[in-house]
Amino acid sequence: DQTMPKMTGLELARRAGALRAGLPVILYSGYAENIGAEQLARSGVRALLTKPVEPEPLFGALAEALRR
């Protein structure tokens, strides 16, 4: 999620990626309207889903992230 106590989802994605390169990260948030593709790429986020998410897009994003 993008809005968490003490850090954002993008920050968590960057930190996790620093610990494990290539970690597939999907950001799922209700506050994603101001997040650009460049920010996602810099943070290592492979997909952005907005709340509420339907099962089909979620499963598709998971399958794509794990395929890489």
PDB file of N, CA and C in Angstrom:
ATOM      1  N   ASP A   1       0.845  -1.180   0.000  1.00  0.00           N
ATOM      2  CA  ASP A   1       0.000   0.000   0.000  1.00  0.00           C
ATOM      3  C   ASP A   1       0.887   1.238   0.000  1.00  0.00           C
ATOM      4  N   GLN A   2       0.411   2.295  -0.580  1.00  0.00           N
ATOM      5  CA  GLN A   2       1.197   3.519  -0.648  1.00  0.00           C
ATOM      6  C   GLN A   2       1.168   4.294   0.669  1.00  0.00           C
ATOM      7  N   THR A   3       0.081   4.222   1.405  1.00  0.00           N
ATOM      8  CA  THR A   3      -0.026   4.988   2.654  1.00  0.00           C
ATOM      9  C   THR A   3       0.023   4.040   3.845  1.00  0.00           C
ATOM     10  N   MET A   4       1.212   3.950   4.427  1.00  0.00           N
ATOM     11  CA  MET A   4       1.431   3.113   5.602  1.00  0.00           C
ATOM     12  C   MET A   4       2.087   3.981   6.668  1.00  0.00           C
ATOM     13  N   PRO A   5       2.017   3.560   7.911  1.00  0.00           N
ATOM     14  CA  PRO A   5       2.735   4.314   8.945  1.00  0.00           C
ATOM     15  C   PRO A   5       4.246   4.256   8.696  1.00  0.00           C
ATOM     16  N   LYS A   6       4.906   5.370   8.798  1.00  0.00           N
ATOM     17  CA  LYS A   6       6.369   5.496   8.769  1.00  0.00           C
ATOM     18  C   LYS A   6       7.025   5.430   7.397  1.00  0.00           C
ATOM     19  N   MET A   7       6.368   4.897   6.362  1.00  0.00           N
ATOM     20  CA  MET A   7       6.952   4.907   5.022  1.00  0.00           C
ATOM     21  C   MET A   7       5.872   4.657   3.983  1.00  0.00           C
ATOM     22  N   THR A   8       6.192   5.004   2.753  1.00  0.00           N
ATOM     23  CA  THR A   8       5.254   4.764   1.659  1.00  0.00           C
ATOM     24  C   THR A   8       5.536   3.401   1.025  1.00  0.00           C
ATOM     25  N   GLY A   9       4.617   2.971   0.198  1.00  0.00           N
ATOM     26  CA  GLY A   9       4.821   1.726  -0.521  1.00  0.00           C
ATOM     27  C   GLY A   9       6.005   1.797  -1.466  1.00  0.00           C
ATOM     28  N   LEU A  10       6.209   2.971  -2.083  1.00  0.00           N
ATOM     29  CA  LEU A  10       7.363   3.137  -2.965  1.00  0.00           C
ATOM     30  C   LEU A  10       8.665   3.013  -2.191  1.00  0.00           C
ATOM     31  N   GLU A  11       8.711   3.594  -1.011  1.00  0.00           N
ATOM     32  CA  GLU A  11       9.908   3.484  -0.184  1.00  0.00           C
ATOM     33  C   GLU A  11      10.152   2.032   0.236  1.00  0.00           C
ATOM     34  N   LEU A  12       9.103   1.337   0.621  1.00  0.00           N
ATOM     35  CA  LEU A  12       9.236  -0.070   0.993  1.00  0.00           C
ATOM     36  C   LEU A  12       9.737  -0.887  -0.199  1.00  0.00           C
ATOM     37  N   ALA A  13       9.215  -0.604  -1.394  1.00  0.00           N
ATOM     38  CA  ALA A  13       9.655  -1.318  -2.594  1.00  0.00           C
ATOM     39  C   ALA A  13      11.143  -1.087  -2.845  1.00  0.00           C
ATOM     40  N   ARG A  14      11.610   0.155  -2.704  1.00  0.00           N
ATOM     41  CA  ARG A  14      13.040   0.461  -2.893  1.00  0.00           C
ATOM     42  C   ARG A  14      13.897  -0.292  -1.882  1.00  0.00           C
ATOM     43  N   ARG A  15      13.465  -0.273  -0.633  1.00  0.00           N
ATOM     44  CA  ARG A  15      14.247  -0.959   0.418  1.00  0.00           C
ATOM     45  C   ARG A  15      14.280  -2.467   0.196  1.00  0.00           C
ATOM     46  N   ALA A  16      13.148  -3.040  -0.163  1.00  0.00           N
ATOM     47  CA  ALA A  16      13.089  -4.486  -0.407  1.00  0.00           C
ATOM     48  C   ALA A  16      13.952  -4.857  -1.609  1.00  0.00           C
ATOM     49  N   GLY A  17      13.909  -4.027  -2.649  1.00  0.00           N
ATOM     50  CA  GLY A  17      14.724  -4.276  -3.833  1.00  0.00           C
ATOM     51  C   GLY A  17      16.214  -4.187  -3.543  1.00  0.00           C
ATOM     52  N   ALA A  18      16.592  -3.319  -2.604  1.00  0.00           N
ATOM     53  CA  ALA A  18      18.002  -3.213  -2.225  1.00  0.00           C
ATOM     54  C   ALA A  18      18.464  -4.471  -1.499  1.00  0.00           C
ATOM     55  N   LEU A  19      17.557  -5.121  -0.787  1.00  0.00           N
ATOM     56  CA  LEU A  19      17.903  -6.348  -0.071  1.00  0.00           C
ATOM     57  C   LEU A  19      17.880  -7.569  -0.980  1.00  0.00           C
ATOM     58  N   ARG A  20      16.981  -7.542  -1.961  1.00  0.00           N
ATOM     59  CA  ARG A  20      16.848  -8.677  -2.883  1.00  0.00           C
ATOM     60  C   ARG A  20      16.555  -8.149  -4.285  1.00  0.00           C
ATOM     61  N   ALA A  21      17.586  -8.042  -5.074  1.00  0.00           N
ATOM     62  CA  ALA A  21      17.436  -7.527  -6.441  1.00  0.00           C
ATOM     63  C   ALA A  21      16.465  -8.396  -7.232  1.00  0.00           C
ATOM     64  N   GLY A  22      15.630  -7.749  -8.014  1.00  0.00           N
ATOM     65  CA  GLY A  22      14.692  -8.484  -8.854  1.00  0.00           C
ATOM     66  C   GLY A  22      13.429  -8.936  -8.151  1.00  0.00           C
ATOM     67  N   LEU A  23      13.253  -8.552  -6.896  1.00  0.00           N
ATOM     68  CA  LEU A  23      12.053  -8.927  -6.153  1.00  0.00           C
ATOM     69  C   LEU A  23      10.820  -8.359  -6.850  1.00  0.00           C
ATOM     70  N   PRO A  24       9.842  -9.190  -7.202  1.00  0.00           N
ATOM     71  CA  PRO A  24       8.655  -8.668  -7.868  1.00  0.00           C
ATOM     72  C   PRO A  24       7.746  -7.937  -6.875  1.00  0.00           C
ATOM     73  N   VAL A  25       7.517  -6.648  -7.125  1.00  0.00           N
ATOM     74  CA  VAL A  25       6.699  -5.830  -6.236  1.00  0.00           C
ATOM     75  C   VAL A  25       5.488  -5.316  -7.002  1.00  0.00           C
ATOM     76  N   ILE A  26       4.320  -5.474  -6.404  1.00  0.00           N
ATOM     77  CA  ILE A  26       3.085  -4.915  -6.929  1.00  0.00           C
ATOM     78  C   ILE A  26       2.564  -3.942  -5.888  1.00  0.00           C
ATOM     79  N   LEU A  27       2.354  -2.701  -6.289  1.00  0.00           N
ATOM     80  CA  LEU A  27       1.829  -1.684  -5.386  1.00  0.00           C
ATOM     81  C   LEU A  27       0.314  -1.652  -5.543  1.00  0.00           C
ATOM     82  N   TYR A  28      -0.382  -1.762  -4.430  1.00  0.00           N
ATOM     83  CA  TYR A  28      -1.845  -1.826  -4.396  1.00  0.00           C
ATOM     84  C   TYR A  28      -2.309  -0.734  -3.455  1.00  0.00           C
ATOM     85  N   SER A  29      -2.967   0.308  -3.996  1.00  0.00           N
ATOM     86  CA  SER A  29      -3.292   1.446  -3.158  1.00  0.00           C
ATOM     87  C   SER A  29      -4.524   2.186  -3.655  1.00  0.00           C
ATOM     88  N   GLY A  30      -5.179   2.833  -2.730  1.00  0.00           N
ATOM     89  CA  GLY A  30      -6.288   3.713  -3.074  1.00  0.00           C
ATOM     90  C   GLY A  30      -5.812   5.133  -3.307  1.00  0.00           C
ATOM     91  N   TYR A  31      -4.520   5.375  -3.117  1.00  0.00           N
ATOM     92  CA  TYR A  31      -3.940   6.711  -3.256  1.00  0.00           C
ATOM     93  C   TYR A  31      -2.806   6.690  -4.269  1.00  0.00           C
ATOM     94  N   ALA A  32      -3.104   6.276  -5.473  1.00  0.00           N
ATOM     95  CA  ALA A  32      -2.058   6.088  -6.470  1.00  0.00           C
ATOM     96  C   ALA A  32      -2.155   7.070  -7.637  1.00  0.00           C
ATOM     97  N   GLU A  33      -3.093   7.994  -7.589  1.00  0.00           N
ATOM     98  CA  GLU A  33      -3.319   8.866  -8.745  1.00  0.00           C
ATOM     99  C   GLU A  33      -2.136   9.781  -9.071  1.00  0.00           C
ATOM    100  N   ASN A  34      -1.280  10.069  -8.124  1.00  0.00           N
ATOM    101  CA  ASN A  34      -0.149  10.959  -8.368  1.00  0.00           C
ATOM    102  C   ASN A  34       1.182  10.222  -8.537  1.00  0.00           C
ATOM    103  N   ILE A  35       1.126   8.925  -8.731  1.00  0.00           N
ATOM    104  CA  ILE A  35       2.351   8.138  -8.904  1.00  0.00           C
ATOM    105  C   ILE A  35       2.572   7.903 -10.391  1.00  0.00           C
ATOM    106  N   GLY A  36       3.709   8.357 -10.882  1.00  0.00           N
ATOM    107  CA  GLY A  36       4.020   8.212 -12.299  1.00  0.00           C
ATOM    108  C   GLY A  36       4.797   6.950 -12.614  1.00  0.00           C
ATOM    109  N   ALA A  37       4.840   6.626 -13.888  1.00  0.00           N
ATOM    110  CA  ALA A  37       5.547   5.428 -14.342  1.00  0.00           C
ATOM    111  C   ALA A  37       7.032   5.489 -13.989  1.00  0.00           C
ATOM    112  N   GLU A  38       7.613   6.677 -14.049  1.00  0.00           N
ATOM    113  CA  GLU A  38       9.039   6.817 -13.720  1.00  0.00           C
ATOM    114  C   GLU A  38       9.293   6.513 -12.245  1.00  0.00           C
ATOM    115  N   GLN A  39       8.424   6.982 -11.371  1.00  0.00           N
ATOM    116  CA  GLN A  39       8.557   6.689  -9.939  1.00  0.00           C
ATOM    117  C   GLN A  39       8.443   5.193  -9.686  1.00  0.00           C
ATOM    118  N   LEU A  40       7.499   4.554 -10.353  1.00  0.00           N
ATOM    119  CA  LEU A  40       7.312   3.108 -10.185  1.00  0.00           C
ATOM    120  C   LEU A  40       8.560   2.366 -10.625  1.00  0.00           C
ATOM    121  N   ALA A  41       9.094   2.733 -11.779  1.00  0.00           N
ATOM    122  CA  ALA A  41      10.279   2.056 -12.304  1.00  0.00           C
ATOM    123  C   ALA A  41      11.477   2.254 -11.378  1.00  0.00           C
ATOM    124  N   ARG A  42      11.678   3.474 -10.887  1.00  0.00           N
ATOM    125  CA  ARG A  42      12.806   3.741  -9.980  1.00  0.00           C
ATOM    126  C   ARG A  42      12.687   2.948  -8.684  1.00  0.00           C
ATOM    127  N   SER A  43      11.461   2.658  -8.281  1.00  0.00           N
ATOM    128  CA  SER A  43      11.231   1.936  -7.024  1.00  0.00           C
ATOM    129  C   SER A  43      11.198   0.432  -7.214  1.00  0.00           C
ATOM    130  N   GLY A  44      11.233  -0.024  -8.455  1.00  0.00           N
ATOM    131  CA  GLY A  44      11.201  -1.458  -8.718  1.00  0.00           C
ATOM    132  C   GLY A  44       9.802  -2.056  -8.705  1.00  0.00           C
ATOM    133  N   VAL A  45       8.794  -1.211  -8.779  1.00  0.00           N
ATOM    134  CA  VAL A  45       7.409  -1.695  -8.783  1.00  0.00           C
ATOM    135  C   VAL A  45       7.073  -2.173 -10.188  1.00  0.00           C
ATOM    136  N   ARG A  46       6.589  -3.387 -10.288  1.00  0.00           N
ATOM    137  CA  ARG A  46       6.279  -3.972 -11.598  1.00  0.00           C
ATOM    138  C   ARG A  46       4.859  -3.700 -12.047  1.00  0.00           C
ATOM    139  N   ALA A  47       3.957  -3.460 -11.101  1.00  0.00           N
ATOM    140  CA  ALA A  47       2.565  -3.174 -11.461  1.00  0.00           C
ATOM    141  C   ALA A  47       1.949  -2.302 -10.383  1.00  0.00           C
ATOM    142  N   LEU A  48       0.997  -1.487 -10.799  1.00  0.00           N
ATOM    143  CA  LEU A  48       0.253  -0.636  -9.886  1.00  0.00           C
ATOM    144  C   LEU A  48      -1.224  -0.965 -10.029  1.00  0.00           C
ATOM    145  N   LEU A  49      -1.837  -1.352  -8.943  1.00  0.00           N
ATOM    146  CA  LEU A  49      -3.263  -1.631  -8.920  1.00  0.00           C
ATOM    147  C   LEU A  49      -3.922  -0.667  -7.945  1.00  0.00           C
ATOM    148  N   THR A  50      -5.099  -0.184  -8.321  1.00  0.00           N
ATOM    149  CA  THR A  50      -5.799   0.740  -7.440  1.00  0.00           C
ATOM    150  C   THR A  50      -6.981   0.041  -6.778  1.00  0.00           C
ATOM    151  N   LYS A  51      -7.241   0.459  -5.555  1.00  0.00           N
ATOM    152  CA  LYS A  51      -8.361  -0.101  -4.795  1.00  0.00           C
ATOM    153  C   LYS A  51      -9.658   0.513  -5.271  1.00  0.00           C
ATOM    154  N   PRO A  52     -10.716  -0.224  -5.281  1.00  0.00           N
ATOM    155  CA  PRO A  52     -10.761  -1.670  -5.058  1.00  0.00           C
ATOM    156  C   PRO A  52     -10.308  -2.403  -6.318  1.00  0.00           C
ATOM    157  N   VAL A  53      -9.669  -3.515  -6.144  1.00  0.00           N
ATOM    158  CA  VAL A  53      -9.183  -4.276  -7.286  1.00  0.00           C
ATOM    159  C   VAL A  53     -10.054  -5.512  -7.480  1.00  0.00           C
ATOM    160  N   GLU A  54     -10.299  -5.802  -8.725  1.00  0.00           N
ATOM    161  CA  GLU A  54     -11.043  -7.010  -9.073  1.00  0.00           C
ATOM    162  C   GLU A  54     -10.065  -8.180  -9.129  1.00  0.00           C
ATOM    163  N   PRO A  55     -10.529  -9.383  -8.875  1.00  0.00           N
ATOM    164  CA  PRO A  55      -9.625 -10.540  -8.863  1.00  0.00           C
ATOM    165  C   PRO A  55      -8.857 -10.746 -10.174  1.00  0.00           C
ATOM    166  N   GLU A  56      -9.500 -10.560 -11.304  1.00  0.00           N
ATOM    167  CA  GLU A  56      -8.841 -10.837 -12.582  1.00  0.00           C
ATOM    168  C   GLU A  56      -7.604  -9.962 -12.814  1.00  0.00           C
ATOM    169  N   PRO A  57      -7.673  -8.637 -12.640  1.00  0.00           N
ATOM    170  CA  PRO A  57      -6.439  -7.839 -12.791  1.00  0.00           C
ATOM    171  C   PRO A  57      -5.375  -8.192 -11.757  1.00  0.00           C
ATOM    172  N   LEU A  58      -5.781  -8.523 -10.546  1.00  0.00           N
ATOM    173  CA  LEU A  58      -4.821  -8.909  -9.520  1.00  0.00           C
ATOM    174  C   LEU A  58      -4.105 -10.195  -9.912  1.00  0.00           C
ATOM    175  N   PHE A  59      -4.851 -11.195 -10.333  1.00  0.00           N
ATOM    176  CA  PHE A  59      -4.241 -12.460 -10.742  1.00  0.00           C
ATOM    177  C   PHE A  59      -3.336 -12.270 -11.952  1.00  0.00           C
ATOM    178  N   GLY A  60      -3.743 -11.412 -12.882  1.00  0.00           N
ATOM    179  CA  GLY A  60      -2.914 -11.132 -14.054  1.00  0.00           C
ATOM    180  C   GLY A  60      -1.602 -10.470 -13.667  1.00  0.00           C
ATOM    181  N   ALA A  61      -1.659  -9.488 -12.772  1.00  0.00           N
ATOM    182  CA  ALA A  61      -0.447  -8.799 -12.321  1.00  0.00           C
ATOM    183  C   ALA A  61       0.469  -9.756 -11.570  1.00  0.00           C
ATOM    184  N   LEU A  62      -0.097 -10.613 -10.742  1.00  0.00           N
ATOM    185  CA  LEU A  62       0.705 -11.596 -10.012  1.00  0.00           C
ATOM    186  C   LEU A  62       1.389 -12.581 -10.977  1.00  0.00           C
ATOM    187  N   ALA A  63       0.635 -13.067 -11.942  1.00  0.00           N
ATOM    188  CA  ALA A  63       1.194 -14.014 -12.905  1.00  0.00           C
ATOM    189  C   ALA A  63       2.322 -13.365 -13.702  1.00  0.00           C
ATOM    190  N   GLU A  64       2.136 -12.123 -14.128  1.00  0.00           N
ATOM    191  CA  GLU A  64       3.175 -11.425 -14.899  1.00  0.00           C
ATOM    192  C   GLU A  64       4.410 -11.179 -14.048  1.00  0.00           C
ATOM    193  N   ALA A  65       4.222 -10.747 -12.810  1.00  0.00           N
ATOM    194  CA  ALA A  65       5.366 -10.479 -11.931  1.00  0.00           C
ATOM    195  C   ALA A  65       6.163 -11.737 -11.653  1.00  0.00           C
ATOM    196  N   LEU A  66       5.489 -12.841 -11.468  1.00  0.00           N
ATOM    197  CA  LEU A  66       6.179 -14.092 -11.172  1.00  0.00           C
ATOM    198  C   LEU A  66       6.820 -14.718 -12.408  1.00  0.00           C
ATOM    199  N   ARG A  67       6.276 -14.417 -13.589  1.00  0.00           N
ATOM    200  CA  ARG A  67       6.842 -14.920 -14.837  1.00  0.00           C
ATOM    201  C   ARG A  67       8.221 -14.343 -15.097  1.00  0.00           C
ATOM    202  N   ARG A  68       8.413 -13.090 -14.719  1.00  0.00           N
ATOM    203  CA  ARG A  68       9.703 -12.430 -14.954  1.00  0.00           C
ATOM    204  C   ARG A  68      10.713 -13.050 -14.065  1.00  0.00           C
TER     205      ARG A  68
END
